[in-house]
Structure formats: structure tokens, C-alpha cells
Amino acid sequence: MAKRAWPPWWAWELKFDRHVFGRMVRRHFNEVDLRVMLEDATGFRRDVEEGRWLVEVRHYGCRWEVVIEPEFDTKLLWVITAYEVRSR
């Protein structure tokens, strides 16, 4: 099976939405953690909110998702939030 290619916006500069900063302390991660998670991402898919994507990552051995939104006019990749994926 062929590995899925990352879209061109994947290489754009990261910007962090103010929302994600509000989640960092509560969810025990920081900007450096996010950059490392995204660097080692394993996959992505469309989010239910148009224009946003869910990126599959790991943090301390656990599955996480990072919500990102490419901004095509400025070629910036906005990080909206990140959260641990818990089994139900």
C-alpha cells in the first residue's frame, strides 16, 4: 500500500491560535511538545468543520489529535487545539 502524501500546506510556517494556548496547561503540553508531535505525525484527515484537518500524533505514548487550519492567503498553518484521543 502506498504511503499517503502530505499536502503542500504541511510545510508552511506554524502559527498558534490563542485557543490552543488556553489548553496547554490543562492538557499538559507546550509549544515545543506540539512541534515535536507534528514533526512525527502519522496521518491526517478532514475535520467536520470545513477547512480544518485532524492530524494524528502521539504524545508520551498516547494517541492525540491536533486540529489545524491552513490559511492559503498567507501560507500559514494554524494550530487550533490538541487533545488526547481516549478509547470509549
C-alpha atoms as a PDB file:
ATOM      1  CA  MET A   1       0.000   0.000   0.000  1.00  0.00           C
ATOM      2  CA  ALA A   2       1.367   3.413  -0.963  1.00  0.00           C
ATOM      3  CA  LYS A   3       2.037   5.885   1.807  1.00  0.00           C
ATOM      4  CA  ARG A   4      -0.285   8.876   1.751  1.00  0.00           C
ATOM      5  CA  ALA A   5       1.414  12.087   0.639  1.00  0.00           C
ATOM      6  CA  TRP A   6       1.212  15.174   2.808  1.00  0.00           C
ATOM      7  CA  PRO A   7      -0.402  18.243   1.216  1.00  0.00           C
ATOM      8  CA  PRO A   8       1.743  21.257   0.225  1.00  0.00           C
ATOM      9  CA  TRP A   9       0.492  23.300   3.194  1.00  0.00           C
ATOM     10  CA  TRP A  10       2.127  20.790   5.554  1.00  0.00           C
ATOM     11  CA  ALA A  11       5.459  22.612   5.123  1.00  0.00           C
ATOM     12  CA  TRP A  12       4.058  26.084   5.876  1.00  0.00           C
ATOM     13  CA  GLU A  13       5.074  28.077   8.933  1.00  0.00           C
ATOM     14  CA  LEU A  14       3.147  27.182  12.087  1.00  0.00           C
ATOM     15  CA  LYS A  15       1.085  29.767  13.949  1.00  0.00           C
ATOM     16  CA  PHE A  16      -0.676  29.042  17.213  1.00  0.00           C
ATOM     17  CA  ASP A  17      -4.249  30.130  17.807  1.00  0.00           C
ATOM     18  CA  ARG A  18      -4.950  31.679  21.169  1.00  0.00           C
ATOM     19  CA  HIS A  19      -7.352  28.792  21.867  1.00  0.00           C
ATOM     20  CA  VAL A  20      -4.531  26.236  21.924  1.00  0.00           C
ATOM     21  CA  PHE A  21      -2.564  28.261  24.482  1.00  0.00           C
ATOM     22  CA  GLY A  22      -5.557  28.053  26.803  1.00  0.00           C
ATOM     23  CA  ARG A  23      -5.458  24.254  26.591  1.00  0.00           C
ATOM     24  CA  MET A  24      -1.734  23.726  27.095  1.00  0.00           C
ATOM     25  CA  VAL A  25      -1.559  23.870  30.882  1.00  0.00           C
ATOM     26  CA  ARG A  26      -4.733  21.884  31.428  1.00  0.00           C
ATOM     27  CA  ARG A  27      -3.709  19.161  28.965  1.00  0.00           C
ATOM     28  CA  HIS A  28      -0.019  19.106  29.962  1.00  0.00           C
ATOM     29  CA  PHE A  29       1.778  20.102  26.772  1.00  0.00           C
ATOM     30  CA  ASN A  30       3.557  23.154  25.428  1.00  0.00           C
ATOM     31  CA  GLU A  31       4.538  24.684  22.078  1.00  0.00           C
ATOM     32  CA  VAL A  32       7.689  22.569  21.825  1.00  0.00           C
ATOM     33  CA  ASP A  33       5.650  19.406  22.506  1.00  0.00           C
ATOM     34  CA  LEU A  34       3.248  20.400  19.727  1.00  0.00           C
ATOM     35  CA  ARG A  35       6.054  20.968  17.248  1.00  0.00           C
ATOM     36  CA  VAL A  36       7.543  17.552  18.070  1.00  0.00           C
ATOM     37  CA  MET A  37       4.129  15.868  17.809  1.00  0.00           C
ATOM     38  CA  LEU A  38       3.525  17.417  14.389  1.00  0.00           C
ATOM     39  CA  GLU A  39       7.034  16.572  13.199  1.00  0.00           C
ATOM     40  CA  ASP A  40       6.325  12.896  13.938  1.00  0.00           C
ATOM     41  CA  ALA A  41       2.684  12.891  12.729  1.00  0.00           C
ATOM     42  CA  THR A  42       1.413   9.607  11.296  1.00  0.00           C
ATOM     43  CA  GLY A  43      -1.635  10.726   9.329  1.00  0.00           C
ATOM     44  CA  PHE A  44      -4.348  13.285   8.762  1.00  0.00           C
ATOM     45  CA  ARG A  45      -7.973  13.563   7.718  1.00  0.00           C
ATOM     46  CA  ARG A  46     -10.596  16.246   7.186  1.00  0.00           C
ATOM     47  CA  ASP A  47     -12.314  17.620  10.265  1.00  0.00           C
ATOM     48  CA  VAL A  48     -16.080  18.044  10.424  1.00  0.00           C
ATOM     49  CA  GLU A  49     -15.519  21.811  10.367  1.00  0.00           C
ATOM     50  CA  GLU A  50     -14.788  22.868   6.804  1.00  0.00           C
ATOM     51  CA  GLY A  51     -11.217  23.987   6.182  1.00  0.00           C
ATOM     52  CA  ARG A  52      -9.821  22.194   9.213  1.00  0.00           C
ATOM     53  CA  TRP A  53      -7.860  18.976   9.457  1.00  0.00           C
ATOM     54  CA  LEU A  54      -7.169  16.450  12.218  1.00  0.00           C
ATOM     55  CA  VAL A  55      -3.568  15.332  12.443  1.00  0.00           C
ATOM     56  CA  GLU A  56      -2.838  12.001  14.120  1.00  0.00           C
ATOM     57  CA  VAL A  57       0.089  12.240  16.537  1.00  0.00           C
ATOM     58  CA  ARG A  58       1.476  10.684  19.713  1.00  0.00           C
ATOM     59  CA  HIS A  59       2.414  12.358  22.981  1.00  0.00           C
ATOM     60  CA  TYR A  60       4.067  10.381  25.773  1.00  0.00           C
ATOM     61  CA  GLY A  61       2.995   7.135  24.109  1.00  0.00           C
ATOM     62  CA  CYS A  62      -0.680   8.133  23.853  1.00  0.00           C
ATOM     63  CA  ARG A  63      -2.756   8.880  20.765  1.00  0.00           C
ATOM     64  CA  TRP A  64      -3.510  12.555  20.251  1.00  0.00           C
ATOM     65  CA  GLU A  65      -5.105  14.684  17.557  1.00  0.00           C
ATOM     66  CA  VAL A  66      -4.083  18.183  16.589  1.00  0.00           C
ATOM     67  CA  VAL A  67      -6.605  20.394  14.828  1.00  0.00           C
ATOM     68  CA  ILE A  68      -5.002  22.550  12.157  1.00  0.00           C
ATOM     69  CA  GLU A  69      -6.292  25.061   9.630  1.00  0.00           C
ATOM     70  CA  PRO A  70      -4.274  26.057   6.561  1.00  0.00           C
ATOM     71  CA  GLU A  71      -4.584  29.753   5.672  1.00  0.00           C
ATOM     72  CA  PHE A  72      -3.988  29.876   1.939  1.00  0.00           C
ATOM     73  CA  ASP A  73      -3.733  33.680   1.547  1.00  0.00           C
ATOM     74  CA  THR A  74      -0.799  33.939   3.947  1.00  0.00           C
ATOM     75  CA  LYS A  75       0.518  30.359   3.626  1.00  0.00           C
ATOM     76  CA  LEU A  76       0.355  29.855   7.384  1.00  0.00           C
ATOM     77  CA  LEU A  77      -0.649  26.638   9.121  1.00  0.00           C
ATOM     78  CA  TRP A  78      -2.721  27.492  12.199  1.00  0.00           C
ATOM     79  CA  VAL A  79      -2.715  25.116  15.152  1.00  0.00           C
ATOM     80  CA  ILE A  80      -6.174  25.398  16.701  1.00  0.00           C
ATOM     81  CA  THR A  81      -6.091  22.832  19.521  1.00  0.00           C
ATOM     82  CA  ALA A  82      -4.730  19.432  20.569  1.00  0.00           C
ATOM     83  CA  TYR A  83      -6.219  16.689  22.698  1.00  0.00           C
ATOM     84  CA  GLU A  84      -5.660  13.101  23.749  1.00  0.00           C
ATOM     85  CA  VAL A  85      -7.803  10.512  21.975  1.00  0.00           C
ATOM     86  CA  ARG A  86      -9.367   8.319  24.622  1.00  0.00           C
ATOM     87  CA  SER A  87     -10.898   4.932  23.942  1.00  0.00           C
ATOM     88  CA  ARG A  88     -14.567   4.570  24.721  1.00  0.00           C
END
